[in-house]
């Protein structure tokens, strides 16, 4: 009834072939296009971590942030994918201030906004 599954599968190679197929055939875009008329489901996704070293907590949140939109898409919803970067400016600014040896708005303005940015 079932074919025996070989034990010598090269999962990395299989994944690369699947990814190439999706890219070559624009599968993700077709998935989005086929749901344009469906109800919209908005998932507010924050940015990837821009400061600090990655750890297991980052992996868990990325899985959740991937799983929920996929589930809603499979349920027929139009789920636009747009990462939120608006909430992560301050931690990055603070890291840049430390790197440049600056402390606060006045010193940033004296340094110059263009070079600081």
PDB file of N, CA and C in Angstrom:
ATOM      1  N   UNK A   1       0.819  -1.189   0.000  1.00  0.00           N
ATOM      2  CA  UNK A   1       0.000   0.000   0.000  1.00  0.00           C
ATOM      3  C   UNK A   1       0.875   1.270   0.000  1.00  0.00           C
ATOM      4  N   UNK A   2       1.910   1.290   0.837  1.00  0.00           N
ATOM      5  CA  UNK A   2       2.803   2.437   0.902  1.00  0.00           C
ATOM      6  C   UNK A   2       4.175   2.052   0.385  1.00  0.00           C
ATOM      7  N   UNK A   3       4.818   3.013  -0.288  1.00  0.00           N
ATOM      8  CA  UNK A   3       6.185   2.765  -0.729  1.00  0.00           C
ATOM      9  C   UNK A   3       7.133   2.966   0.446  1.00  0.00           C
ATOM     10  N   UNK A   4       8.142   2.135   0.495  1.00  0.00           N
ATOM     11  CA  UNK A   4       9.135   2.260   1.554  1.00  0.00           C
ATOM     12  C   UNK A   4       9.909   3.568   1.354  1.00  0.00           C
ATOM     13  N   UNK A   5      10.111   4.275   2.429  1.00  0.00           N
ATOM     14  CA  UNK A   5      10.859   5.534   2.381  1.00  0.00           C
ATOM     15  C   UNK A   5      12.341   5.217   2.509  1.00  0.00           C
ATOM     16  N   UNK A   6      13.145   5.689   1.548  1.00  0.00           N
ATOM     17  CA  UNK A   6      14.583   5.419   1.642  1.00  0.00           C
ATOM     18  C   UNK A   6      15.192   6.101   2.863  1.00  0.00           C
ATOM     19  N   UNK A   7      16.219   5.508   3.411  1.00  0.00           N
ATOM     20  CA  UNK A   7      16.855   6.066   4.610  1.00  0.00           C
ATOM     21  C   UNK A   7      18.018   7.001   4.285  1.00  0.00           C
ATOM     22  N   UNK A   8      18.369   7.101   3.018  1.00  0.00           N
ATOM     23  CA  UNK A   8      19.521   7.930   2.639  1.00  0.00           C
ATOM     24  C   UNK A   8      19.084   9.237   1.967  1.00  0.00           C
ATOM     25  N   UNK A   9      18.007   9.830   2.439  1.00  0.00           N
ATOM     26  CA  UNK A   9      17.524  11.074   1.839  1.00  0.00           C
ATOM     27  C   UNK A   9      18.457  12.230   2.181  1.00  0.00           C
ATOM     28  N   UNK A  10      18.743  13.044   1.185  1.00  0.00           N
ATOM     29  CA  UNK A  10      19.551  14.240   1.393  1.00  0.00           C
ATOM     30  C   UNK A  10      18.570  15.407   1.530  1.00  0.00           C
ATOM     31  N   UNK A  11      18.204  15.707   2.763  1.00  0.00           N
ATOM     32  CA  UNK A  11      17.166  16.705   3.003  1.00  0.00           C
ATOM     33  C   UNK A  11      17.558  18.097   2.525  1.00  0.00           C
ATOM     34  N   UNK A  12      18.818  18.446   2.659  1.00  0.00           N
ATOM     35  CA  UNK A  12      19.275  19.766   2.213  1.00  0.00           C
ATOM     36  C   UNK A  12      19.093  19.892   0.701  1.00  0.00           C
ATOM     37  N   UNK A  13      19.505  18.885  -0.034  1.00  0.00           N
ATOM     38  CA  UNK A  13      19.371  18.916  -1.494  1.00  0.00           C
ATOM     39  C   UNK A  13      17.900  18.937  -1.911  1.00  0.00           C
ATOM     40  N   UNK A  14      17.089  18.152  -1.244  1.00  0.00           N
ATOM     41  CA  UNK A  14      15.650  18.138  -1.551  1.00  0.00           C
ATOM     42  C   UNK A  14      15.035  19.518  -1.316  1.00  0.00           C
ATOM     43  N   UNK A  15      15.421  20.153  -0.214  1.00  0.00           N
ATOM     44  CA  UNK A  15      14.905  21.487   0.103  1.00  0.00           C
ATOM     45  C   UNK A  15      15.320  22.489  -0.966  1.00  0.00           C
ATOM     46  N   UNK A  16      16.553  22.421  -1.429  1.00  0.00           N
ATOM     47  CA  UNK A  16      17.033  23.327  -2.478  1.00  0.00           C
ATOM     48  C   UNK A  16      16.241  23.135  -3.773  1.00  0.00           C
ATOM     49  N   UNK A  17      15.933  21.884  -4.120  1.00  0.00           N
ATOM     50  CA  UNK A  17      15.149  21.613  -5.335  1.00  0.00           C
ATOM     51  C   UNK A  17      13.738  22.167  -5.204  1.00  0.00           C
ATOM     52  N   UNK A  18      13.140  21.998  -4.049  1.00  0.00           N
ATOM     53  CA  UNK A  18      11.784  22.524  -3.822  1.00  0.00           C
ATOM     54  C   UNK A  18      11.795  24.048  -3.889  1.00  0.00           C
ATOM     55  N   UNK A  19      12.795  24.665  -3.248  1.00  0.00           N
ATOM     56  CA  UNK A  19      12.897  26.128  -3.272  1.00  0.00           C
ATOM     57  C   UNK A  19      13.075  26.637  -4.699  1.00  0.00           C
ATOM     58  N   UNK A  20      13.890  25.963  -5.478  1.00  0.00           N
ATOM     59  CA  UNK A  20      14.090  26.356  -6.876  1.00  0.00           C
ATOM     60  C   UNK A  20      12.785  26.230  -7.659  1.00  0.00           C
ATOM     61  N   UNK A  21      12.055  25.150  -7.451  1.00  0.00           N
ATOM     62  CA  UNK A  21      10.763  24.970  -8.114  1.00  0.00           C
ATOM     63  C   UNK A  21       9.814  26.114  -7.773  1.00  0.00           C
ATOM     64  N   UNK A  22       9.756  26.460  -6.476  1.00  0.00           N
ATOM     65  CA  UNK A  22       8.890  27.568  -6.056  1.00  0.00           C
ATOM     66  C   UNK A  22       9.321  28.877  -6.716  1.00  0.00           C
ATOM     67  N   UNK A  23      10.625  29.139  -6.734  1.00  0.00           N
ATOM     68  CA  UNK A  23      11.127  30.371  -7.353  1.00  0.00           C
ATOM     69  C   UNK A  23      10.849  30.387  -8.855  1.00  0.00           C
ATOM     70  N   UNK A  24      11.180  29.288  -9.529  1.00  0.00           N
ATOM     71  CA  UNK A  24      11.001  29.217 -10.985  1.00  0.00           C
ATOM     72  C   UNK A  24       9.539  29.366 -11.402  1.00  0.00           C
ATOM     73  N   UNK A  25       8.632  28.887 -10.585  1.00  0.00           N
ATOM     74  CA  UNK A  25       7.210  28.886 -10.929  1.00  0.00           C
ATOM     75  C   UNK A  25       6.396  29.950 -10.187  1.00  0.00           C
ATOM     76  N   UNK A  26       7.074  30.825  -9.453  1.00  0.00           N
ATOM     77  CA  UNK A  26       6.422  31.949  -8.756  1.00  0.00           C
ATOM     78  C   UNK A  26       5.267  31.465  -7.870  1.00  0.00           C
ATOM     79  N   UNK A  27       5.516  30.391  -7.143  1.00  0.00           N
ATOM     80  CA  UNK A  27       4.460  29.762  -6.347  1.00  0.00           C
ATOM     81  C   UNK A  27       3.934  30.696  -5.259  1.00  0.00           C
ATOM     82  N   UNK A  28       4.815  31.387  -4.553  1.00  0.00           N
ATOM     83  CA  UNK A  28       4.339  32.269  -3.485  1.00  0.00           C
ATOM     84  C   UNK A  28       3.458  33.372  -4.056  1.00  0.00           C
ATOM     85  N   UNK A  29       3.892  33.991  -5.145  1.00  0.00           N
ATOM     86  CA  UNK A  29       3.093  35.056  -5.751  1.00  0.00           C
ATOM     87  C   UNK A  29       1.740  34.522  -6.222  1.00  0.00           C
ATOM     88  N   UNK A  30       1.718  33.331  -6.792  1.00  0.00           N
ATOM     89  CA  UNK A  30       0.452  32.722  -7.211  1.00  0.00           C
ATOM     90  C   UNK A  30      -0.456  32.482  -6.016  1.00  0.00           C
ATOM     91  N   UNK A  31       0.145  32.071  -4.905  1.00  0.00           N
ATOM     92  CA  UNK A  31      -0.626  31.859  -3.684  1.00  0.00           C
ATOM     93  C   UNK A  31      -1.277  33.161  -3.230  1.00  0.00           C
ATOM     94  N   UNK A  32      -0.518  34.247  -3.278  1.00  0.00           N
ATOM     95  CA  UNK A  32      -1.064  35.558  -2.884  1.00  0.00           C
ATOM     96  C   UNK A  32      -2.135  36.024  -3.872  1.00  0.00           C
ATOM     97  N   UNK A  33      -1.856  35.869  -5.160  1.00  0.00           N
ATOM     98  CA  UNK A  33      -2.811  36.309  -6.187  1.00  0.00           C
ATOM     99  C   UNK A  33      -4.137  35.560  -6.099  1.00  0.00           C
ATOM    100  N   UNK A  34      -4.076  34.291  -5.751  1.00  0.00           N
ATOM    101  CA  UNK A  34      -5.305  33.491  -5.709  1.00  0.00           C
ATOM    102  C   UNK A  34      -6.215  33.871  -4.543  1.00  0.00           C
ATOM    103  N   UNK A  35      -5.732  34.673  -3.616  1.00  0.00           N
ATOM    104  CA  UNK A  35      -6.517  35.063  -2.438  1.00  0.00           C
ATOM    105  C   UNK A  35      -6.845  36.554  -2.403  1.00  0.00           C
ATOM    106  N   UNK A  36      -6.604  37.253  -3.496  1.00  0.00           N
ATOM    107  CA  UNK A  36      -6.826  38.703  -3.516  1.00  0.00           C
ATOM    108  C   UNK A  36      -8.246  39.090  -3.117  1.00  0.00           C
ATOM    109  N   UNK A  37      -9.210  38.263  -3.466  1.00  0.00           N
ATOM    110  CA  UNK A  37     -10.604  38.580  -3.180  1.00  0.00           C
ATOM    111  C   UNK A  37     -11.056  38.062  -1.809  1.00  0.00           C
ATOM    112  N   UNK A  38     -10.211  37.314  -1.143  1.00  0.00           N
ATOM    113  CA  UNK A  38     -10.580  36.757   0.161  1.00  0.00           C
ATOM    114  C   UNK A  38     -10.519  37.811   1.248  1.00  0.00           C
ATOM    115  N   UNK A  39     -11.031  37.473   2.426  1.00  0.00           N
ATOM    116  CA  UNK A  39     -10.945  38.422   3.545  1.00  0.00           C
ATOM    117  C   UNK A  39      -9.481  38.623   3.927  1.00  0.00           C
ATOM    118  N   UNK A  40      -9.164  39.810   4.374  1.00  0.00           N
ATOM    119  CA  UNK A  40      -7.783  40.123   4.748  1.00  0.00           C
ATOM    120  C   UNK A  40      -7.560  39.766   6.212  1.00  0.00           C
ATOM    121  N   UNK A  41      -6.431  39.144   6.473  1.00  0.00           N
ATOM    122  CA  UNK A  41      -6.000  38.873   7.842  1.00  0.00           C
ATOM    123  C   UNK A  41      -4.692  39.622   8.037  1.00  0.00           C
ATOM    124  N   UNK A  42      -4.658  40.510   9.005  1.00  0.00           N
ATOM    125  CA  UNK A  42      -3.464  41.305   9.257  1.00  0.00           C
ATOM    126  C   UNK A  42      -2.726  40.738  10.453  1.00  0.00           C
ATOM    127  N   UNK A  43      -1.466  40.470  10.250  1.00  0.00           N
ATOM    128  CA  UNK A  43      -0.599  39.977  11.318  1.00  0.00           C
ATOM    129  C   UNK A  43       0.513  40.987  11.479  1.00  0.00           C
ATOM    130  N   UNK A  44       0.548  41.661  12.618  1.00  0.00           N
ATOM    131  CA  UNK A  44       1.550  42.692  12.839  1.00  0.00           C
ATOM    132  C   UNK A  44       2.862  42.039  13.268  1.00  0.00           C
ATOM    133  N   UNK A  45       3.765  41.964  12.324  1.00  0.00           N
ATOM    134  CA  UNK A  45       5.049  41.328  12.544  1.00  0.00           C
ATOM    135  C   UNK A  45       6.086  42.384  12.832  1.00  0.00           C
ATOM    136  N   UNK A  46       6.748  42.274  13.962  1.00  0.00           N
ATOM    137  CA  UNK A  46       7.821  43.194  14.284  1.00  0.00           C
ATOM    138  C   UNK A  46       9.076  42.839  13.515  1.00  0.00           C
ATOM    139  N   UNK A  47      10.119  43.618  13.682  1.00  0.00           N
ATOM    140  CA  UNK A  47      11.348  43.404  12.921  1.00  0.00           C
ATOM    141  C   UNK A  47      12.167  42.251  13.473  1.00  0.00           C
ATOM    142  N   UNK A  48      13.069  41.742  12.661  1.00  0.00           N
ATOM    143  CA  UNK A  48      14.054  40.819  13.223  1.00  0.00           C
ATOM    144  C   UNK A  48      14.939  41.601  14.182  1.00  0.00           C
ATOM    145  N   UNK A  49      15.602  40.935  15.052  1.00  0.00           N
ATOM    146  CA  UNK A  49      16.416  41.630  16.045  1.00  0.00           C
ATOM    147  C   UNK A  49      17.589  42.316  15.368  1.00  0.00           C
ATOM    148  N   UNK A  50      17.684  43.609  15.573  1.00  0.00           N
ATOM    149  CA  UNK A  50      18.755  44.386  14.950  1.00  0.00           C
ATOM    150  C   UNK A  50      19.921  44.585  15.896  1.00  0.00           C
ATOM    151  N   UNK A  51      19.708  44.302  17.158  1.00  0.00           N
ATOM    152  CA  UNK A  51      20.811  44.423  18.117  1.00  0.00           C
ATOM    153  C   UNK A  51      20.803  43.188  19.008  1.00  0.00           C
ATOM    154  N   UNK A  52      21.917  42.873  19.534  1.00  0.00           N
ATOM    155  CA  UNK A  52      22.023  41.685  20.370  1.00  0.00           C
ATOM    156  C   UNK A  52      22.272  40.449  19.523  1.00  0.00           C
ATOM    157  N   UNK A  53      22.729  39.402  20.167  1.00  0.00           N
ATOM    158  CA  UNK A  53      23.030  38.164  19.457  1.00  0.00           C
ATOM    159  C   UNK A  53      21.796  37.275  19.405  1.00  0.00           C
ATOM    160  N   UNK A  54      21.584  36.581  18.284  1.00  0.00           N
ATOM    161  CA  UNK A  54      20.442  35.673  18.185  1.00  0.00           C
ATOM    162  C   UNK A  54      20.534  34.560  19.226  1.00  0.00           C
ATOM    163  N   UNK A  55      19.376  34.142  19.708  1.00  0.00           N
ATOM    164  CA  UNK A  55      19.305  33.038  20.656  1.00  0.00           C
ATOM    165  C   UNK A  55      18.025  32.249  20.384  1.00  0.00           C
ATOM    166  N   UNK A  56      17.787  31.202  21.141  1.00  0.00           N
ATOM    167  CA  UNK A  56      16.669  30.301  20.889  1.00  0.00           C
ATOM    168  C   UNK A  56      15.324  31.032  20.944  1.00  0.00           C
ATOM    169  N   UNK A  57      15.216  32.075  21.745  1.00  0.00           N
ATOM    170  CA  UNK A  57      13.973  32.849  21.806  1.00  0.00           C
ATOM    171  C   UNK A  57      13.633  33.484  20.468  1.00  0.00           C
ATOM    172  N   UNK A  58      14.652  33.890  19.714  1.00  0.00           N
ATOM    173  CA  UNK A  58      14.407  34.451  18.388  1.00  0.00           C
ATOM    174  C   UNK A  58      13.840  33.391  17.454  1.00  0.00           C
ATOM    175  N   UNK A  59      14.349  32.180  17.558  1.00  0.00           N
ATOM    176  CA  UNK A  59      13.871  31.098  16.698  1.00  0.00           C
ATOM    177  C   UNK A  59      12.398  30.833  16.965  1.00  0.00           C
ATOM    178  N   UNK A  60      12.036  30.752  18.231  1.00  0.00           N
ATOM    179  CA  UNK A  60      10.643  30.479  18.595  1.00  0.00           C
ATOM    180  C   UNK A  60       9.701  31.544  18.042  1.00  0.00           C
ATOM    181  N   UNK A  61      10.048  32.813  18.202  1.00  0.00           N
ATOM    182  CA  UNK A  61       9.164  33.864  17.697  1.00  0.00           C
ATOM    183  C   UNK A  61       9.090  33.852  16.171  1.00  0.00           C
ATOM    184  N   UNK A  62      10.192  33.524  15.495  1.00  0.00           N
ATOM    185  CA  UNK A  62      10.152  33.450  14.027  1.00  0.00           C
ATOM    186  C   UNK A  62       9.240  32.311  13.570  1.00  0.00           C
ATOM    187  N   UNK A  63       9.249  31.216  14.304  1.00  0.00           N
ATOM    188  CA  UNK A  63       8.364  30.097  13.958  1.00  0.00           C
ATOM    189  C   UNK A  63       6.908  30.532  14.087  1.00  0.00           C
ATOM    190  N   UNK A  64       6.568  31.195  15.175  1.00  0.00           N
ATOM    191  CA  UNK A  64       5.194  31.671  15.383  1.00  0.00           C
ATOM    192  C   UNK A  64       4.820  32.674  14.299  1.00  0.00           C
ATOM    193  N   UNK A  65       5.737  33.606  14.007  1.00  0.00           N
ATOM    194  CA  UNK A  65       5.463  34.634  13.007  1.00  0.00           C
ATOM    195  C   UNK A  65       5.344  34.063  11.605  1.00  0.00           C
ATOM    196  N   UNK A  66       5.844  32.873  11.388  1.00  0.00           N
ATOM    197  CA  UNK A  66       5.704  32.199  10.104  1.00  0.00           C
ATOM    198  C   UNK A  66       4.457  31.316  10.090  1.00  0.00           C
ATOM    199  N   UNK A  67       4.203  30.644  11.191  1.00  0.00           N
ATOM    200  CA  UNK A  67       3.136  29.655  11.269  1.00  0.00           C
ATOM    201  C   UNK A  67       1.733  30.287  11.170  1.00  0.00           C
ATOM    202  N   UNK A  68       1.508  31.373  11.873  1.00  0.00           N
ATOM    203  CA  UNK A  68       0.169  31.971  11.895  1.00  0.00           C
ATOM    204  C   UNK A  68      -0.233  32.506  10.523  1.00  0.00           C
ATOM    205  N   UNK A  69       0.598  33.302   9.840  1.00  0.00           N
ATOM    206  CA  UNK A  69       0.207  33.738   8.492  1.00  0.00           C
ATOM    207  C   UNK A  69       0.000  32.575   7.515  1.00  0.00           C
ATOM    208  N   UNK A  70       0.831  31.547   7.610  1.00  0.00           N
ATOM    209  CA  UNK A  70       0.649  30.380   6.729  1.00  0.00           C
ATOM    210  C   UNK A  70      -0.691  29.706   6.994  1.00  0.00           C
ATOM    211  N   UNK A  71      -1.032  29.544   8.259  1.00  0.00           N
ATOM    212  CA  UNK A  71      -2.294  28.903   8.619  1.00  0.00           C
ATOM    213  C   UNK A  71      -3.479  29.707   8.069  1.00  0.00           C
ATOM    214  N   UNK A  72      -3.444  31.012   8.286  1.00  0.00           N
ATOM    215  CA  UNK A  72      -4.539  31.863   7.800  1.00  0.00           C
ATOM    216  C   UNK A  72      -4.612  31.850   6.278  1.00  0.00           C
ATOM    217  N   UNK A  73      -3.455  31.803   5.620  1.00  0.00           N
ATOM    218  CA  UNK A  73      -3.437  31.712   4.160  1.00  0.00           C
ATOM    219  C   UNK A  73      -4.106  30.417   3.709  1.00  0.00           C
ATOM    220  N   UNK A  74      -3.785  29.319   4.374  1.00  0.00           N
ATOM    221  CA  UNK A  74      -4.402  28.033   4.005  1.00  0.00           C
ATOM    222  C   UNK A  74      -5.903  28.036   4.245  1.00  0.00           C
ATOM    223  N   UNK A  75      -6.365  28.906   5.141  1.00  0.00           N
ATOM    224  CA  UNK A  75      -7.798  29.022   5.409  1.00  0.00           C
ATOM    225  C   UNK A  75      -8.499  29.971   4.417  1.00  0.00           C
ATOM    226  N   UNK A  76      -7.743  30.488   3.434  1.00  0.00           N
ATOM    227  CA  UNK A  76      -8.338  31.308   2.391  1.00  0.00           C
ATOM    228  C   UNK A  76      -8.227  32.806   2.578  1.00  0.00           C
ATOM    229  N   UNK A  77      -7.552  33.242   3.619  1.00  0.00           N
ATOM    230  CA  UNK A  77      -7.403  34.673   3.864  1.00  0.00           C
ATOM    231  C   UNK A  77      -6.292  35.254   2.988  1.00  0.00           C
ATOM    232  N   UNK A  78      -6.429  36.520   2.667  1.00  0.00           N
ATOM    233  CA  UNK A  78      -5.359  37.282   2.029  1.00  0.00           C
ATOM    234  C   UNK A  78      -4.507  37.816   3.179  1.00  0.00           C
ATOM    235  N   UNK A  79      -3.262  37.370   3.249  1.00  0.00           N
ATOM    236  CA  UNK A  79      -2.382  37.755   4.351  1.00  0.00           C
ATOM    237  C   UNK A  79      -1.179  38.489   3.778  1.00  0.00           C
ATOM    238  N   UNK A  80      -1.263  39.818   3.697  1.00  0.00           N
ATOM    239  CA  UNK A  80      -0.106  40.564   3.181  1.00  0.00           C
ATOM    240  C   UNK A  80       1.081  40.392   4.120  1.00  0.00           C
ATOM    241  N   UNK A  81       2.250  40.194   3.552  1.00  0.00           N
ATOM    242  CA  UNK A  81       3.468  40.055   4.360  1.00  0.00           C
ATOM    243  C   UNK A  81       4.215  41.373   4.322  1.00  0.00           C
ATOM    244  N   UNK A  82       4.278  42.031   5.464  1.00  0.00           N
ATOM    245  CA  UNK A  82       5.009  43.287   5.560  1.00  0.00           C
ATOM    246  C   UNK A  82       5.576  43.380   6.972  1.00  0.00           C
ATOM    247  N   UNK A  83       6.889  43.270   7.069  1.00  0.00           N
ATOM    248  CA  UNK A  83       7.528  43.325   8.378  1.00  0.00           C
ATOM    249  C   UNK A  83       7.460  44.733   8.937  1.00  0.00           C
ATOM    250  N   UNK A  84       7.319  44.841  10.236  1.00  0.00           N
ATOM    251  CA  UNK A  84       7.256  46.138  10.902  1.00  0.00           C
ATOM    252  C   UNK A  84       8.618  46.568  11.394  1.00  0.00           C
ATOM    253  N   UNK A  85       9.087  47.668  10.882  1.00  0.00           N
ATOM    254  CA  UNK A  85      10.388  48.175  11.300  1.00  0.00           C
ATOM    255  C   UNK A  85      10.256  49.429  12.154  1.00  0.00           C
ATOM    256  N   UNK A  86       9.060  49.912  12.349  1.00  0.00           N
ATOM    257  CA  UNK A  86       8.882  51.185  13.029  1.00  0.00           C
ATOM    258  C   UNK A  86       9.164  51.122  14.521  1.00  0.00           C
ATOM    259  N   UNK A  87       9.211  49.961  15.109  1.00  0.00           N
ATOM    260  CA  UNK A  87       9.377  49.868  16.553  1.00  0.00           C
ATOM    261  C   UNK A  87      10.807  49.607  16.984  1.00  0.00           C
ATOM    262  N   UNK A  88      11.733  49.540  16.046  1.00  0.00           N
ATOM    263  CA  UNK A  88      13.069  49.113  16.417  1.00  0.00           C
ATOM    264  C   UNK A  88      14.127  50.209  16.303  1.00  0.00           C
ATOM    265  N   UNK A  89      13.721  51.426  16.015  1.00  0.00           N
ATOM    266  CA  UNK A  89      14.689  52.497  15.822  1.00  0.00           C
ATOM    267  C   UNK A  89      15.481  52.846  17.062  1.00  0.00           C
ATOM    268  N   UNK A  90      14.830  52.954  18.197  1.00  0.00           N
ATOM    269  CA  UNK A  90      15.512  53.409  19.407  1.00  0.00           C
ATOM    270  C   UNK A  90      16.646  52.483  19.840  1.00  0.00           C
ATOM    271  N   UNK A  91      16.431  51.164  19.931  1.00  0.00           N
ATOM    272  CA  UNK A  91      17.568  50.323  20.334  1.00  0.00           C
ATOM    273  C   UNK A  91      18.763  50.439  19.383  1.00  0.00           C
ATOM    274  N   UNK A  92      18.488  50.587  18.096  1.00  0.00           N
ATOM    275  CA  UNK A  92      19.584  50.730  17.129  1.00  0.00           C
ATOM    276  C   UNK A  92      20.284  52.062  17.351  1.00  0.00           C
ATOM    277  N   UNK A  93      19.506  53.131  17.546  1.00  0.00           N
ATOM    278  CA  UNK A  93      20.102  54.441  17.804  1.00  0.00           C
ATOM    279  C   UNK A  93      20.998  54.403  19.038  1.00  0.00           C
ATOM    280  N   UNK A  94      20.549  53.749  20.085  1.00  0.00           N
ATOM    281  CA  UNK A  94      21.339  53.675  21.311  1.00  0.00           C
ATOM    282  C   UNK A  94      22.664  52.941  21.077  1.00  0.00           C
ATOM    283  N   UNK A  95      22.626  51.884  20.284  1.00  0.00           N
ATOM    284  CA  UNK A  95      23.854  51.151  19.970  1.00  0.00           C
ATOM    285  C   UNK A  95      24.814  52.021  19.154  1.00  0.00           C
ATOM    286  N   UNK A  96      24.284  52.800  18.221  1.00  0.00           N
ATOM    287  CA  UNK A  96      25.123  53.682  17.408  1.00  0.00           C
ATOM    288  C   UNK A  96      25.721  54.772  18.293  1.00  0.00           C
ATOM    289  N   UNK A  97      24.908  55.313  19.200  1.00  0.00           N
ATOM    290  CA  UNK A  97      25.430  56.320  20.139  1.00  0.00           C
ATOM    291  C   UNK A  97      26.611  55.763  20.925  1.00  0.00           C
ATOM    292  N   UNK A  98      26.458  54.555  21.464  1.00  0.00           N
ATOM    293  CA  UNK A  98      27.551  53.930  22.225  1.00  0.00           C
ATOM    294  C   UNK A  98      28.793  53.771  21.359  1.00  0.00           C
ATOM    295  N   UNK A  99      28.583  53.285  20.129  1.00  0.00           N
ATOM    296  CA  UNK A  99      29.700  53.036  19.223  1.00  0.00           C
ATOM    297  C   UNK A  99      30.456  54.331  18.922  1.00  0.00           C
ATOM    298  N   UNK A 100      29.720  55.436  18.781  1.00  0.00           N
ATOM    299  CA  UNK A 100      30.337  56.720  18.450  1.00  0.00           C
ATOM    300  C   UNK A 100      30.763  57.511  19.689  1.00  0.00           C
ATOM    301  N   UNK A 101      30.421  57.008  20.872  1.00  0.00           N
ATOM    302  CA  UNK A 101      30.778  57.712  22.102  1.00  0.00           C
ATOM    303  C   UNK A 101      29.946  58.962  22.338  1.00  0.00           C
ATOM    304  N   UNK A 102      28.721  58.957  21.852  1.00  0.00           N
ATOM    305  CA  UNK A 102      27.821  60.092  22.016  1.00  0.00           C
ATOM    306  C   UNK A 102      26.826  59.799  23.134  1.00  0.00           C
ATOM    307  N   UNK A 103      26.230  60.897  23.671  1.00  0.00           N
ATOM    308  CA  UNK A 103      25.246  60.725  24.734  1.00  0.00           C
ATOM    309  C   UNK A 103      24.130  61.754  24.581  1.00  0.00           C
ATOM    310  N   UNK A 104      23.081  61.376  23.900  1.00  0.00           N
ATOM    311  CA  UNK A 104      21.900  62.218  23.822  1.00  0.00           C
ATOM    312  C   UNK A 104      21.775  63.050  22.563  1.00  0.00           C
ATOM    313  N   UNK A 105      20.618  63.691  22.486  1.00  0.00           N
ATOM    314  CA  UNK A 105      20.229  64.450  21.293  1.00  0.00           C
ATOM    315  C   UNK A 105      21.208  65.568  20.946  1.00  0.00           C
ATOM    316  N   UNK A 106      21.639  66.341  21.961  1.00  0.00           N
ATOM    317  CA  UNK A 106      22.530  67.480  21.691  1.00  0.00           C
ATOM    318  C   UNK A 106      23.834  67.021  21.044  1.00  0.00           C
ATOM    319  N   UNK A 107      24.422  65.951  21.571  1.00  0.00           N
ATOM    320  CA  UNK A 107      25.681  65.464  21.013  1.00  0.00           C
ATOM    321  C   UNK A 107      25.477  64.893  19.603  1.00  0.00           C
ATOM    322  N   UNK A 108      24.331  64.254  19.382  1.00  0.00           N
ATOM    323  CA  UNK A 108      24.027  63.739  18.037  1.00  0.00           C
ATOM    324  C   UNK A 108      23.924  64.898  17.062  1.00  0.00           C
ATOM    325  N   UNK A 109      23.246  65.982  17.454  1.00  0.00           N
ATOM    326  CA  UNK A 109      23.103  67.147  16.578  1.00  0.00           C
ATOM    327  C   UNK A 109      24.448  67.812  16.314  1.00  0.00           C
ATOM    328  N   UNK A 110      25.325  67.869  17.319  1.00  0.00           N
ATOM    329  CA  UNK A 110      26.655  68.426  17.132  1.00  0.00           C
ATOM    330  C   UNK A 110      27.481  67.540  16.178  1.00  0.00           C
ATOM    331  N   UNK A 111      27.319  66.231  16.315  1.00  0.00           N
ATOM    332  CA  UNK A 111      28.010  65.277  15.430  1.00  0.00           C
ATOM    333  C   UNK A 111      27.510  65.419  14.009  1.00  0.00           C
ATOM    334  N   UNK A 112      26.206  65.682  13.867  1.00  0.00           N
ATOM    335  CA  UNK A 112      25.558  65.833  12.566  1.00  0.00           C
ATOM    336  C   UNK A 112      24.599  64.683  12.290  1.00  0.00           C
ATOM    337  N   UNK A 113      23.380  65.024  11.906  1.00  0.00           N
ATOM    338  CA  UNK A 113      22.352  63.996  11.687  1.00  0.00           C
ATOM    339  C   UNK A 113      22.707  63.079  10.528  1.00  0.00           C
ATOM    340  N   UNK A 114      23.171  63.650   9.429  1.00  0.00           N
ATOM    341  CA  UNK A 114      23.490  62.820   8.245  1.00  0.00           C
ATOM    342  C   UNK A 114      24.543  61.757   8.564  1.00  0.00           C
ATOM    343  N   UNK A 115      25.695  62.142   9.140  1.00  0.00           N
ATOM    344  CA  UNK A 115      26.678  61.092   9.434  1.00  0.00           C
ATOM    345  C   UNK A 115      26.172  60.100  10.487  1.00  0.00           C
ATOM    346  N   UNK A 116      25.352  60.600  11.438  1.00  0.00           N
ATOM    347  CA  UNK A 116      24.817  59.697  12.468  1.00  0.00           C
ATOM    348  C   UNK A 116      23.901  58.649  11.841  1.00  0.00           C
ATOM    349  N   UNK A 117      23.053  59.103  10.932  1.00  0.00           N
ATOM    350  CA  UNK A 117      22.117  58.177  10.264  1.00  0.00           C
ATOM    351  C   UNK A 117      22.879  57.216   9.396  1.00  0.00           C
TER     352      UNK A 117
END
